[in-house]
Amino acid sequence: MQVLETWAGSTLSWTLLLRAVAAQTGKRYTRQALQRHSRVQLAFALKRATLECKLNSPRVETPELSAALERIARQERTIARLMLENCRLNELLHAQSRANSAP
């Protein structure tokens, strides 16, 4: 998750992600192993969409502004991912409570 949240490249693919994870953690994963986790799938999709938006809207900015905008974007992606995870967990909790209360 941290690799995706701090991704600095201009493009993102599963191959590039796997290389970055291996470089950072020293562990090698397959695409299928990472895709099995809904959190990773969601973070990957959000990051990829963000990168596509950046490519479509070039800006001229100072290095300070660029760093601040990147920090804000990273925090917004984290918030969006956490909100989606929270909704998913709430749905699971409600489904479990309904199953437990059924006669």
N, C-alpha and C. Protein backbone atom coordinates (compact mmCIF):
# COMPACT_ATOMS: atom_id res chain seq x y z
N MET A 1 0.83 -1.19 0.00
CA MET A 1 0.00 0.00 0.00
C MET A 1 0.88 1.25 0.00
N GLN A 2 1.93 1.21 0.78
CA GLN A 2 2.80 2.38 0.87
C GLN A 2 3.49 2.66 -0.46
N VAL A 3 3.85 1.62 -1.18
CA VAL A 3 4.49 1.80 -2.48
C VAL A 3 3.54 2.53 -3.42
N LEU A 4 2.28 2.14 -3.42
CA LEU A 4 1.31 2.82 -4.29
C LEU A 4 1.04 4.25 -3.85
N GLU A 5 0.95 4.47 -2.55
CA GLU A 5 0.65 5.81 -2.05
C GLU A 5 1.78 6.79 -2.31
N THR A 6 3.01 6.29 -2.37
CA THR A 6 4.16 7.17 -2.59
C THR A 6 4.71 7.06 -4.00
N TRP A 7 3.94 6.48 -4.91
CA TRP A 7 4.40 6.27 -6.28
C TRP A 7 4.77 7.60 -6.91
N ALA A 8 6.00 7.68 -7.46
CA ALA A 8 6.49 8.93 -8.02
C ALA A 8 6.58 8.89 -9.55
N GLY A 9 6.40 7.73 -10.14
CA GLY A 9 6.50 7.61 -11.59
C GLY A 9 5.34 8.27 -12.31
N SER A 10 5.52 8.49 -13.61
CA SER A 10 4.45 9.11 -14.39
C SER A 10 3.52 8.07 -14.98
N THR A 11 3.93 6.80 -14.97
CA THR A 11 3.06 5.71 -15.42
C THR A 11 3.06 4.62 -14.36
N LEU A 12 2.01 3.81 -14.39
CA LEU A 12 1.89 2.73 -13.42
C LEU A 12 1.36 1.49 -14.12
N SER A 13 2.03 0.40 -13.90
CA SER A 13 1.58 -0.89 -14.41
C SER A 13 1.84 -1.92 -13.32
N TRP A 14 1.23 -3.09 -13.46
CA TRP A 14 1.46 -4.13 -12.46
C TRP A 14 2.93 -4.54 -12.44
N THR A 15 3.55 -4.59 -13.61
CA THR A 15 4.97 -4.96 -13.69
C THR A 15 5.83 -3.96 -12.94
N LEU A 16 5.58 -2.68 -13.16
CA LEU A 16 6.36 -1.65 -12.46
C LEU A 16 6.11 -1.70 -10.96
N LEU A 17 4.86 -1.95 -10.58
CA LEU A 17 4.53 -2.04 -9.16
C LEU A 17 5.25 -3.23 -8.51
N LEU A 18 5.25 -4.36 -9.19
CA LEU A 18 5.92 -5.55 -8.64
C LEU A 18 7.41 -5.31 -8.45
N ARG A 19 8.03 -4.63 -9.41
CA ARG A 19 9.47 -4.30 -9.27
C ARG A 19 9.71 -3.38 -8.09
N ALA A 20 8.84 -2.38 -7.93
CA ALA A 20 9.00 -1.42 -6.83
C ALA A 20 8.80 -2.10 -5.48
N VAL A 21 7.82 -2.98 -5.39
CA VAL A 21 7.58 -3.71 -4.14
C VAL A 21 8.78 -4.59 -3.82
N ALA A 22 9.31 -5.28 -4.83
CA ALA A 22 10.48 -6.13 -4.61
C ALA A 22 11.69 -5.32 -4.17
N ALA A 23 11.88 -4.14 -4.77
CA ALA A 23 13.01 -3.29 -4.40
C ALA A 23 12.87 -2.76 -2.97
N GLN A 24 11.64 -2.43 -2.58
CA GLN A 24 11.44 -1.85 -1.25
C GLN A 24 11.40 -2.90 -0.15
N THR A 25 10.78 -4.04 -0.42
CA THR A 25 10.60 -5.03 0.64
C THR A 25 11.57 -6.20 0.55
N GLY A 26 12.14 -6.42 -0.63
CA GLY A 26 13.01 -7.58 -0.81
C GLY A 26 12.22 -8.86 -1.06
N LYS A 27 10.91 -8.76 -1.17
CA LYS A 27 10.05 -9.92 -1.43
C LYS A 27 9.47 -9.81 -2.83
N ARG A 28 9.37 -10.94 -3.51
CA ARG A 28 8.81 -10.96 -4.86
C ARG A 28 7.39 -11.50 -4.80
N TYR A 29 6.48 -10.77 -5.41
CA TYR A 29 5.08 -11.17 -5.48
C TYR A 29 4.68 -11.29 -6.94
N THR A 30 3.62 -12.02 -7.18
CA THR A 30 3.04 -12.07 -8.52
C THR A 30 1.89 -11.06 -8.58
N ARG A 31 1.50 -10.73 -9.81
CA ARG A 31 0.38 -9.81 -9.98
C ARG A 31 -0.88 -10.41 -9.34
N GLN A 32 -1.06 -11.70 -9.54
CA GLN A 32 -2.25 -12.36 -9.00
C GLN A 32 -2.27 -12.30 -7.47
N ALA A 33 -1.11 -12.45 -6.85
CA ALA A 33 -1.05 -12.40 -5.39
C ALA A 33 -1.45 -11.02 -4.87
N LEU A 34 -1.02 -9.99 -5.54
CA LEU A 34 -1.38 -8.63 -5.11
C LEU A 34 -2.83 -8.32 -5.45
N GLN A 35 -3.29 -8.78 -6.61
CA GLN A 35 -4.67 -8.49 -7.01
C GLN A 35 -5.70 -9.21 -6.16
N ARG A 36 -5.29 -10.22 -5.44
CA ARG A 36 -6.23 -10.93 -4.56
C ARG A 36 -6.72 -10.03 -3.43
N HIS A 37 -5.98 -9.00 -3.13
CA HIS A 37 -6.32 -8.10 -2.02
C HIS A 37 -7.10 -6.90 -2.57
N SER A 38 -8.32 -6.75 -2.11
CA SER A 38 -9.17 -5.66 -2.62
C SER A 38 -8.58 -4.29 -2.32
N ARG A 39 -7.89 -4.18 -1.20
CA ARG A 39 -7.26 -2.89 -0.86
C ARG A 39 -6.22 -2.51 -1.90
N VAL A 40 -5.43 -3.49 -2.34
CA VAL A 40 -4.39 -3.22 -3.33
C VAL A 40 -5.03 -2.90 -4.67
N GLN A 41 -6.05 -3.63 -5.06
CA GLN A 41 -6.74 -3.35 -6.31
C GLN A 41 -7.29 -1.93 -6.33
N LEU A 42 -7.92 -1.54 -5.23
CA LEU A 42 -8.51 -0.21 -5.13
C LEU A 42 -7.44 0.87 -5.19
N ALA A 43 -6.38 0.70 -4.42
CA ALA A 43 -5.30 1.69 -4.41
C ALA A 43 -4.65 1.80 -5.78
N PHE A 44 -4.47 0.67 -6.46
CA PHE A 44 -3.89 0.66 -7.80
C PHE A 44 -4.78 1.44 -8.76
N ALA A 45 -6.07 1.17 -8.73
CA ALA A 45 -7.01 1.86 -9.63
C ALA A 45 -7.04 3.36 -9.36
N LEU A 46 -7.06 3.75 -8.09
CA LEU A 46 -7.07 5.17 -7.75
C LEU A 46 -5.80 5.87 -8.22
N LYS A 47 -4.67 5.23 -8.00
CA LYS A 47 -3.39 5.83 -8.39
C LYS A 47 -3.30 5.96 -9.90
N ARG A 48 -3.74 4.93 -10.60
CA ARG A 48 -3.68 4.95 -12.05
C ARG A 48 -4.59 6.05 -12.61
N ALA A 49 -5.78 6.20 -12.04
CA ALA A 49 -6.69 7.26 -12.48
C ALA A 49 -6.10 8.64 -12.21
N THR A 50 -5.44 8.79 -11.08
CA THR A 50 -4.80 10.06 -10.74
C THR A 50 -3.70 10.39 -11.73
N LEU A 51 -2.90 9.39 -12.09
CA LEU A 51 -1.82 9.63 -13.05
C LEU A 51 -2.37 10.00 -14.42
N GLU A 52 -3.47 9.38 -14.83
CA GLU A 52 -4.07 9.71 -16.12
C GLU A 52 -4.59 11.14 -16.13
N CYS A 53 -5.15 11.58 -15.01
CA CYS A 53 -5.63 12.97 -14.92
C CYS A 53 -4.47 13.95 -15.00
N LYS A 54 -3.35 13.60 -14.38
CA LYS A 54 -2.17 14.48 -14.43
C LYS A 54 -1.65 14.62 -15.85
N LEU A 55 -1.65 13.54 -16.60
CA LEU A 55 -1.16 13.59 -17.97
C LEU A 55 -2.05 14.46 -18.85
N ASN A 56 -3.32 14.52 -18.54
CA ASN A 56 -4.26 15.30 -19.35
C ASN A 56 -4.31 16.77 -18.98
N SER A 57 -3.71 17.16 -17.86
CA SER A 57 -3.77 18.56 -17.45
C SER A 57 -2.40 19.04 -16.99
N PRO A 58 -1.50 19.35 -17.93
CA PRO A 58 -0.16 19.82 -17.55
C PRO A 58 -0.23 21.22 -16.92
N ARG A 59 0.64 21.46 -15.95
CA ARG A 59 0.69 22.76 -15.26
C ARG A 59 2.12 23.26 -15.22
N VAL A 60 2.24 24.57 -15.14
CA VAL A 60 3.53 25.20 -14.91
C VAL A 60 3.50 25.69 -13.47
N GLU A 61 4.42 25.18 -12.65
CA GLU A 61 4.39 25.53 -11.24
C GLU A 61 5.79 25.53 -10.65
N THR A 62 5.92 26.16 -9.51
CA THR A 62 7.20 26.19 -8.81
C THR A 62 7.44 24.84 -8.14
N PRO A 63 8.69 24.53 -7.80
CA PRO A 63 8.97 23.27 -7.12
C PRO A 63 8.23 23.14 -5.78
N GLU A 64 8.11 24.26 -5.06
CA GLU A 64 7.41 24.23 -3.78
C GLU A 64 5.93 23.91 -3.96
N LEU A 65 5.32 24.55 -4.95
CA LEU A 65 3.91 24.30 -5.23
C LEU A 65 3.71 22.87 -5.71
N SER A 66 4.61 22.40 -6.53
CA SER A 66 4.53 21.02 -7.02
C SER A 66 4.59 20.03 -5.87
N ALA A 67 5.50 20.25 -4.93
CA ALA A 67 5.63 19.35 -3.77
C ALA A 67 4.37 19.40 -2.91
N ALA A 68 3.84 20.59 -2.70
CA ALA A 68 2.62 20.73 -1.90
C ALA A 68 1.43 20.06 -2.58
N LEU A 69 1.31 20.24 -3.88
CA LEU A 69 0.21 19.61 -4.62
C LEU A 69 0.33 18.09 -4.60
N GLU A 70 1.54 17.59 -4.69
CA GLU A 70 1.73 16.14 -4.63
C GLU A 70 1.36 15.60 -3.25
N ARG A 71 1.73 16.32 -2.21
CA ARG A 71 1.38 15.90 -0.85
C ARG A 71 -0.14 15.90 -0.65
N ILE A 72 -0.79 16.93 -1.14
CA ILE A 72 -2.25 17.01 -1.05
C ILE A 72 -2.90 15.86 -1.82
N ALA A 73 -2.41 15.62 -3.02
CA ALA A 73 -2.97 14.54 -3.84
C ALA A 73 -2.78 13.19 -3.16
N ARG A 74 -1.61 12.96 -2.56
CA ARG A 74 -1.34 11.70 -1.86
C ARG A 74 -2.29 11.53 -0.68
N GLN A 75 -2.50 12.62 0.06
CA GLN A 75 -3.42 12.56 1.21
C GLN A 75 -4.85 12.34 0.75
N GLU A 76 -5.25 12.96 -0.35
CA GLU A 76 -6.60 12.77 -0.87
C GLU A 76 -6.81 11.32 -1.33
N ARG A 77 -5.79 10.73 -1.96
CA ARG A 77 -5.90 9.33 -2.38
C ARG A 77 -6.01 8.42 -1.17
N THR A 78 -5.24 8.70 -0.14
CA THR A 78 -5.30 7.89 1.08
C THR A 78 -6.68 8.01 1.72
N ILE A 79 -7.21 9.21 1.79
CA ILE A 79 -8.54 9.42 2.37
C ILE A 79 -9.59 8.68 1.55
N ALA A 80 -9.53 8.78 0.23
CA ALA A 80 -10.52 8.10 -0.62
C ALA A 80 -10.45 6.59 -0.43
N ARG A 81 -9.23 6.06 -0.38
CA ARG A 81 -9.06 4.62 -0.19
C ARG A 81 -9.60 4.19 1.16
N LEU A 82 -9.30 4.94 2.21
CA LEU A 82 -9.77 4.59 3.54
C LEU A 82 -11.29 4.70 3.65
N MET A 83 -11.88 5.69 3.00
CA MET A 83 -13.33 5.81 3.02
C MET A 83 -13.99 4.62 2.33
N LEU A 84 -13.44 4.19 1.20
CA LEU A 84 -13.99 3.03 0.50
C LEU A 84 -13.82 1.76 1.33
N GLU A 85 -12.67 1.61 1.96
CA GLU A 85 -12.45 0.45 2.83
C GLU A 85 -13.43 0.46 3.99
N ASN A 86 -13.67 1.64 4.56
CA ASN A 86 -14.60 1.77 5.67
C ASN A 86 -16.01 1.37 5.25
N CYS A 87 -16.43 1.82 4.07
CA CYS A 87 -17.76 1.44 3.57
C CYS A 87 -17.85 -0.07 3.39
N ARG A 88 -16.81 -0.66 2.82
CA ARG A 88 -16.81 -2.10 2.61
C ARG A 88 -16.88 -2.85 3.93
N LEU A 89 -16.13 -2.40 4.92
CA LEU A 89 -16.14 -3.04 6.23
C LEU A 89 -17.49 -2.86 6.93
N ASN A 90 -18.11 -1.70 6.78
CA ASN A 90 -19.45 -1.48 7.35
C ASN A 90 -20.47 -2.42 6.71
N GLU A 91 -20.37 -2.62 5.41
CA GLU A 91 -21.27 -3.55 4.73
C GLU A 91 -21.08 -4.97 5.27
N LEU A 92 -19.82 -5.37 5.45
CA LEU A 92 -19.55 -6.70 6.00
C LEU A 92 -20.10 -6.84 7.42
N LEU A 93 -19.93 -5.80 8.21
CA LEU A 93 -20.42 -5.82 9.59
C LEU A 93 -21.94 -5.94 9.62
N HIS A 94 -22.63 -5.16 8.78
CA HIS A 94 -24.09 -5.23 8.74
C HIS A 94 -24.56 -6.59 8.25
N ALA A 95 -23.89 -7.14 7.26
CA ALA A 95 -24.26 -8.46 6.75
C ALA A 95 -24.06 -9.52 7.83
N GLN A 96 -22.98 -9.39 8.57
CA GLN A 96 -22.69 -10.36 9.63
C GLN A 96 -23.71 -10.22 10.76
N SER A 97 -24.07 -9.01 11.14
CA SER A 97 -25.04 -8.82 12.22
C SER A 97 -26.42 -9.33 11.80
N ARG A 98 -26.78 -9.16 10.50
CA ARG A 98 -28.06 -9.69 10.03
C ARG A 98 -28.04 -11.22 10.06
N ALA A 99 -26.91 -11.81 9.69
CA ALA A 99 -26.81 -13.27 9.70
C ALA A 99 -26.86 -13.81 11.12
N ASN A 100 -26.28 -13.10 12.07
CA ASN A 100 -26.28 -13.55 13.47
C ASN A 100 -27.65 -13.38 14.12
N SER A 101 -28.43 -12.41 13.67
CA SER A 101 -29.73 -12.16 14.29
C SER A 101 -30.85 -12.98 13.63
N ALA A 102 -30.55 -13.61 12.50
CA ALA A 102 -31.56 -14.43 11.82
C ALA A 102 -31.83 -15.69 12.66
N PRO A 103 -33.12 -16.10 12.79
CA PRO A 103 -33.44 -17.26 13.61
C PRO A 103 -32.97 -18.57 13.04
